[in-house]
Amino acid sequence: MLSLLNNSICVLISSKQHNHDSSALDFILAASNLTENITVIFLEEGNHQIHHFLKPLEGFDITKLFTDNKNHQCHFIKFLSKKEILNHVTHCEHLFCF
């Protein structure tokens, strides 16, 4: 079993999932029981998922939320350049992509 306790994880959401497929959200919420150090980055088509994720993530106190979309209007999510995203991915201990 993968131990995430006290480890940093980064979850990349890069696909536009159907509303009935919540595997990424389920994974993030389950991982929040094992660590508080979770970063979620919405990329490309994954930006369509932001509004589906906001309330549950906020309810579980997951606040490291980022996007590669400069035009996103949500103040809870910060913009990161491609270089900054690469830096996050490079320095995280566990990386999961959806």
Protein backbone atom coordinates (compact mmCIF):
# COMPACT_ATOMS: atom_id res chain seq x y z
CA MET A 1 0.00 0.00 0.00
CA LEU A 2 1.24 3.47 -0.88
CA SER A 3 1.95 5.47 2.24
CA LEU A 4 1.14 9.16 1.83
CA LEU A 5 1.43 10.13 5.48
CA ASN A 6 3.43 13.37 5.78
CA ASN A 7 4.23 13.27 2.06
CA SER A 8 3.38 15.78 -0.60
CA ILE A 9 1.18 14.72 -3.47
CA CYS A 10 0.26 16.54 -6.63
CA VAL A 11 -2.87 15.68 -8.58
CA LEU A 12 -3.10 16.81 -12.18
CA ILE A 13 -6.60 17.05 -13.62
CA SER A 14 -6.13 17.26 -17.38
CA SER A 15 -9.15 15.53 -18.89
CA LYS A 16 -12.75 16.61 -19.20
CA GLN A 17 -14.54 13.83 -17.35
CA HIS A 18 -18.22 13.08 -17.51
CA ASN A 19 -20.28 14.17 -14.50
CA HIS A 20 -20.84 10.57 -13.40
CA ASP A 21 -17.08 9.84 -13.33
CA SER A 22 -15.74 11.29 -10.11
CA SER A 23 -12.68 9.07 -9.68
CA ALA A 24 -10.27 12.02 -9.42
CA LEU A 25 -12.38 13.77 -6.80
CA ASP A 26 -12.89 10.53 -4.87
CA PHE A 27 -9.14 9.91 -4.92
CA ILE A 28 -8.30 13.42 -3.66
CA LEU A 29 -10.83 13.25 -0.83
CA ALA A 30 -9.57 9.80 0.21
CA ALA A 31 -5.95 10.98 0.10
CA SER A 32 -6.86 13.90 2.35
CA ASN A 33 -7.35 11.36 5.13
CA LEU A 34 -3.68 10.41 4.81
CA THR A 35 -1.95 13.75 4.25
CA GLU A 36 -2.68 17.46 4.40
CA ASN A 37 -0.08 18.30 1.77
CA ILE A 38 -2.15 18.00 -1.42
CA THR A 39 -1.79 20.20 -4.49
CA VAL A 40 -4.40 20.04 -7.25
CA ILE A 41 -3.56 21.49 -10.66
CA PHE A 42 -6.20 21.84 -13.38
CA LEU A 43 -4.70 21.68 -16.88
CA GLU A 44 -6.14 22.15 -20.35
CA GLU A 45 -9.46 20.23 -20.59
CA GLY A 46 -9.34 19.62 -16.84
CA ASN A 47 -10.24 23.27 -16.30
CA HIS A 48 -13.83 22.27 -17.13
CA GLN A 49 -13.85 20.31 -13.85
CA ILE A 50 -13.04 23.21 -11.52
CA HIS A 51 -16.60 24.06 -10.48
CA HIS A 52 -17.36 20.36 -9.86
CA PHE A 53 -14.36 20.15 -7.48
CA LEU A 54 -14.52 23.47 -5.58
CA LYS A 55 -17.09 22.80 -2.84
CA PRO A 56 -15.88 19.30 -1.92
CA LEU A 57 -12.23 20.39 -1.84
CA GLU A 58 -13.04 23.45 0.20
CA GLY A 59 -15.03 21.29 2.63
CA PHE A 60 -11.99 19.05 3.14
CA ASP A 61 -9.72 22.10 3.56
CA ILE A 62 -7.74 21.41 0.39
CA THR A 63 -6.62 24.87 -0.62
CA LYS A 64 -3.57 24.43 -2.87
CA LEU A 65 -5.52 24.76 -6.11
CA PHE A 66 -3.96 25.95 -9.35
CA THR A 67 -4.81 26.32 -13.05
CA ASP A 68 -2.94 26.92 -16.29
CA ASN A 69 -5.84 29.10 -17.51
CA LYS A 70 -5.04 32.82 -17.12
CA ASN A 71 -8.66 33.71 -17.79
CA HIS A 72 -10.15 31.70 -14.94
CA GLN A 73 -12.34 33.91 -12.74
CA CYS A 74 -12.28 31.97 -9.44
CA HIS A 75 -10.30 33.66 -6.66
CA PHE A 76 -9.75 30.32 -4.85
CA ILE A 77 -7.57 29.04 -7.68
CA LYS A 78 -4.27 30.65 -8.58
CA PHE A 79 -2.74 30.77 -12.05
CA LEU A 80 0.56 28.98 -12.63
CA SER A 81 2.73 29.22 -15.72
CA LYS A 82 3.89 26.03 -17.43
CA LYS A 83 7.31 26.51 -15.79
CA GLU A 84 5.75 26.83 -12.31
CA ILE A 85 3.63 23.73 -12.92
CA LEU A 86 6.73 21.79 -13.95
CA ASN A 87 8.42 22.95 -10.74
CA HIS A 88 5.49 21.67 -8.63
CA VAL A 89 5.48 18.33 -10.42
CA THR A 90 9.24 17.96 -10.11
CA HIS A 91 9.25 18.59 -6.35
CA CYS A 92 6.25 16.55 -5.26
CA GLU A 93 6.78 13.13 -3.76
CA HIS A 94 3.77 11.48 -5.41
CA LEU A 95 2.16 12.47 -8.70
CA PHE A 96 -1.28 11.32 -9.85
CA CYS A 97 -2.86 12.21 -13.19
CA PHE A 98 -6.52 12.11 -14.14
